[in-house]
């Protein structure tokens, strides 16, 4: 595992953990549509990209002309 992948995994876990803590402490109501769902989406994408090494944003930025990491 590379540092790049580890950062994605850790960031995804922290985002999902913070959402869970906000929800279970009663500070956030995830039963209605809110911006917290966008945060959950970003966290889930970070987490899966750490394990699969596939990130949609990487592909989008590469098509826009940005250099890929290590190339």
N, C-alpha and C. Protein backbone atom coordinates (compact mmCIF):
# COMPACT_ATOMS: atom_id res chain seq x y z
N UNK A 1 0.85 -1.18 0.00
CA UNK A 1 0.00 0.00 0.00
C UNK A 1 0.89 1.24 0.00
N UNK A 2 0.52 2.19 -0.80
CA UNK A 2 1.28 3.43 -0.88
C UNK A 2 0.71 4.46 0.08
N UNK A 3 1.48 5.52 0.27
CA UNK A 3 1.02 6.62 1.13
C UNK A 3 -0.23 7.24 0.54
N UNK A 4 -0.25 7.35 -0.77
CA UNK A 4 -1.40 7.96 -1.45
C UNK A 4 -2.68 7.18 -1.16
N UNK A 5 -2.59 5.87 -1.22
CA UNK A 5 -3.77 5.04 -0.94
C UNK A 5 -4.15 5.10 0.53
N UNK A 6 -3.16 5.12 1.41
CA UNK A 6 -3.44 5.18 2.84
C UNK A 6 -4.14 6.48 3.21
N UNK A 7 -3.72 7.57 2.59
CA UNK A 7 -4.36 8.86 2.86
C UNK A 7 -5.82 8.82 2.46
N UNK A 8 -6.11 8.21 1.33
CA UNK A 8 -7.51 8.09 0.89
C UNK A 8 -8.33 7.27 1.88
N UNK A 9 -7.77 6.17 2.34
CA UNK A 9 -8.50 5.31 3.27
C UNK A 9 -8.76 6.04 4.59
N UNK A 10 -7.73 6.68 5.13
CA UNK A 10 -7.87 7.38 6.40
C UNK A 10 -8.86 8.53 6.28
N UNK A 11 -8.76 9.31 5.20
CA UNK A 11 -9.68 10.44 5.00
C UNK A 11 -11.12 9.95 4.88
N UNK A 12 -11.32 8.87 4.15
CA UNK A 12 -12.67 8.33 4.02
C UNK A 12 -13.24 7.85 5.35
N UNK A 13 -12.40 7.20 6.14
CA UNK A 13 -12.85 6.73 7.46
C UNK A 13 -13.19 7.89 8.38
N UNK A 14 -12.36 8.93 8.37
CA UNK A 14 -12.64 10.08 9.23
C UNK A 14 -13.93 10.79 8.83
N UNK A 15 -14.17 10.93 7.54
CA UNK A 15 -15.40 11.58 7.11
C UNK A 15 -16.62 10.76 7.51
N UNK A 16 -16.57 9.45 7.26
CA UNK A 16 -17.71 8.61 7.62
C UNK A 16 -17.90 8.53 9.13
N UNK A 17 -16.80 8.52 9.88
CA UNK A 17 -16.89 8.50 11.34
C UNK A 17 -17.53 9.79 11.86
N UNK A 18 -17.12 10.92 11.32
CA UNK A 18 -17.70 12.18 11.79
C UNK A 18 -19.18 12.27 11.47
N UNK A 19 -19.58 11.74 10.33
CA UNK A 19 -21.00 11.70 10.01
C UNK A 19 -21.77 10.81 10.98
N UNK A 20 -21.20 9.65 11.29
CA UNK A 20 -21.87 8.74 12.23
C UNK A 20 -21.99 9.38 13.61
N UNK A 21 -20.93 10.02 14.06
CA UNK A 21 -20.99 10.67 15.37
C UNK A 21 -22.02 11.79 15.41
N UNK A 22 -22.09 12.58 14.34
CA UNK A 22 -23.08 13.65 14.29
C UNK A 22 -24.49 13.08 14.28
N UNK A 23 -24.68 11.99 13.57
CA UNK A 23 -26.01 11.39 13.49
C UNK A 23 -26.44 10.77 14.82
N UNK A 24 -25.56 9.95 15.41
CA UNK A 24 -25.95 9.23 16.62
C UNK A 24 -25.96 10.11 17.87
N UNK A 25 -25.34 11.28 17.81
CA UNK A 25 -25.42 12.20 18.94
C UNK A 25 -26.63 13.13 18.81
N UNK A 26 -27.36 12.98 17.72
CA UNK A 26 -28.58 13.77 17.53
C UNK A 26 -28.34 15.14 16.93
N UNK A 27 -27.14 15.40 16.45
CA UNK A 27 -26.84 16.70 15.88
C UNK A 27 -27.15 16.77 14.39
N UNK A 28 -27.43 15.65 13.79
CA UNK A 28 -27.72 15.64 12.36
C UNK A 28 -28.85 14.65 12.10
N UNK A 29 -29.74 15.03 11.23
CA UNK A 29 -30.85 14.16 10.86
C UNK A 29 -30.62 13.66 9.44
N UNK A 30 -30.13 12.44 9.31
CA UNK A 30 -29.83 11.88 8.00
C UNK A 30 -31.06 11.30 7.31
N UNK A 31 -32.22 11.39 7.96
CA UNK A 31 -33.43 10.87 7.33
C UNK A 31 -34.02 11.86 6.34
N UNK A 32 -33.50 13.08 6.29
CA UNK A 32 -33.98 14.04 5.30
C UNK A 32 -32.79 14.50 4.45
N UNK A 33 -33.09 14.97 3.27
CA UNK A 33 -32.07 15.38 2.33
C UNK A 33 -31.32 16.60 2.87
N UNK A 34 -30.02 16.51 2.92
CA UNK A 34 -29.20 17.62 3.39
C UNK A 34 -27.82 17.51 2.77
N UNK A 35 -26.96 18.48 3.07
CA UNK A 35 -25.60 18.47 2.57
C UNK A 35 -24.76 17.38 3.20
N UNK A 36 -25.22 16.80 4.30
CA UNK A 36 -24.49 15.70 4.92
C UNK A 36 -24.42 14.49 4.01
N UNK A 37 -25.41 14.32 3.14
CA UNK A 37 -25.38 13.21 2.21
C UNK A 37 -24.25 13.39 1.19
N UNK A 38 -23.96 14.64 0.81
CA UNK A 38 -22.83 14.88 -0.08
C UNK A 38 -21.52 14.52 0.62
N UNK A 39 -21.41 14.84 1.89
CA UNK A 39 -20.23 14.47 2.66
C UNK A 39 -20.09 12.96 2.75
N UNK A 40 -21.20 12.28 2.94
CA UNK A 40 -21.17 10.81 2.99
C UNK A 40 -20.74 10.23 1.64
N UNK A 41 -21.19 10.82 0.56
CA UNK A 41 -20.80 10.37 -0.78
C UNK A 41 -19.30 10.54 -0.99
N UNK A 42 -18.76 11.68 -0.60
CA UNK A 42 -17.32 11.94 -0.75
C UNK A 42 -16.52 10.96 0.12
N UNK A 43 -16.96 10.74 1.34
CA UNK A 43 -16.26 9.82 2.23
C UNK A 43 -16.28 8.39 1.71
N UNK A 44 -17.42 7.96 1.20
CA UNK A 44 -17.52 6.61 0.66
C UNK A 44 -16.62 6.45 -0.59
N UNK A 45 -16.56 7.49 -1.42
CA UNK A 45 -15.68 7.44 -2.59
C UNK A 45 -14.22 7.39 -2.18
N UNK A 46 -13.83 8.15 -1.17
CA UNK A 46 -12.45 8.10 -0.69
C UNK A 46 -12.11 6.73 -0.15
N UNK A 47 -13.02 6.16 0.60
CA UNK A 47 -12.78 4.85 1.19
C UNK A 47 -12.63 3.77 0.11
N UNK A 48 -13.54 3.74 -0.85
CA UNK A 48 -13.45 2.72 -1.89
C UNK A 48 -12.24 2.95 -2.79
N UNK A 49 -11.84 4.19 -3.01
CA UNK A 49 -10.68 4.44 -3.87
C UNK A 49 -9.39 4.00 -3.20
N UNK A 50 -9.37 3.99 -1.89
CA UNK A 50 -8.20 3.50 -1.18
C UNK A 50 -7.99 2.01 -1.36
N UNK A 51 -9.09 1.27 -1.47
CA UNK A 51 -8.99 -0.18 -1.63
C UNK A 51 -8.91 -0.60 -3.10
N UNK A 52 -9.61 0.11 -3.99
CA UNK A 52 -9.65 -0.29 -5.39
C UNK A 52 -8.69 0.49 -6.27
N UNK A 53 -8.17 1.60 -5.76
CA UNK A 53 -7.28 2.50 -6.50
C UNK A 53 -7.98 3.10 -7.72
N UNK A 54 -9.30 3.20 -7.68
CA UNK A 54 -10.08 3.86 -8.72
C UNK A 54 -10.78 5.05 -8.11
N UNK A 55 -10.48 6.23 -8.65
CA UNK A 55 -11.11 7.45 -8.16
C UNK A 55 -11.67 8.20 -9.37
N UNK A 56 -12.98 8.43 -9.41
CA UNK A 56 -13.55 9.16 -10.54
C UNK A 56 -12.93 10.54 -10.73
N UNK A 57 -12.59 11.22 -9.64
CA UNK A 57 -11.99 12.54 -9.77
C UNK A 57 -10.61 12.47 -10.43
N UNK A 58 -9.85 11.41 -10.15
CA UNK A 58 -8.57 11.22 -10.83
C UNK A 58 -8.76 11.15 -12.34
N UNK A 59 -9.75 10.40 -12.76
CA UNK A 59 -10.01 10.25 -14.20
C UNK A 59 -10.46 11.58 -14.82
N UNK A 60 -11.31 12.31 -14.11
CA UNK A 60 -11.79 13.60 -14.62
C UNK A 60 -10.63 14.58 -14.75
N UNK A 61 -9.79 14.65 -13.73
CA UNK A 61 -8.66 15.58 -13.76
C UNK A 61 -7.63 15.19 -14.82
N UNK A 62 -7.43 13.89 -15.03
CA UNK A 62 -6.50 13.43 -16.07
C UNK A 62 -7.01 13.84 -17.46
N UNK A 63 -8.31 13.74 -17.67
CA UNK A 63 -8.87 14.14 -18.96
C UNK A 63 -8.80 15.65 -19.17
N UNK A 64 -8.75 16.39 -18.06
CA UNK A 64 -8.62 17.85 -18.15
C UNK A 64 -7.17 18.28 -18.39
N UNK A 65 -6.24 17.32 -18.37
CA UNK A 65 -4.86 17.63 -18.70
C UNK A 65 -3.89 17.63 -17.53
N UNK A 66 -4.33 17.35 -16.33
CA UNK A 66 -3.43 17.31 -15.19
C UNK A 66 -2.60 16.02 -15.23
N UNK A 67 -1.39 16.10 -14.75
CA UNK A 67 -0.51 14.93 -14.75
C UNK A 67 -0.92 13.98 -13.62
N UNK A 68 -0.81 12.70 -13.92
CA UNK A 68 -1.11 11.69 -12.91
C UNK A 68 0.06 11.54 -11.97
N UNK A 69 -0.19 11.11 -10.77
CA UNK A 69 0.84 10.96 -9.76
C UNK A 69 1.91 9.95 -10.21
N UNK A 70 3.17 10.34 -10.14
CA UNK A 70 4.27 9.45 -10.48
C UNK A 70 4.56 9.33 -11.97
N UNK A 71 3.94 10.13 -12.78
CA UNK A 71 4.18 10.04 -14.23
C UNK A 71 4.71 11.35 -14.76
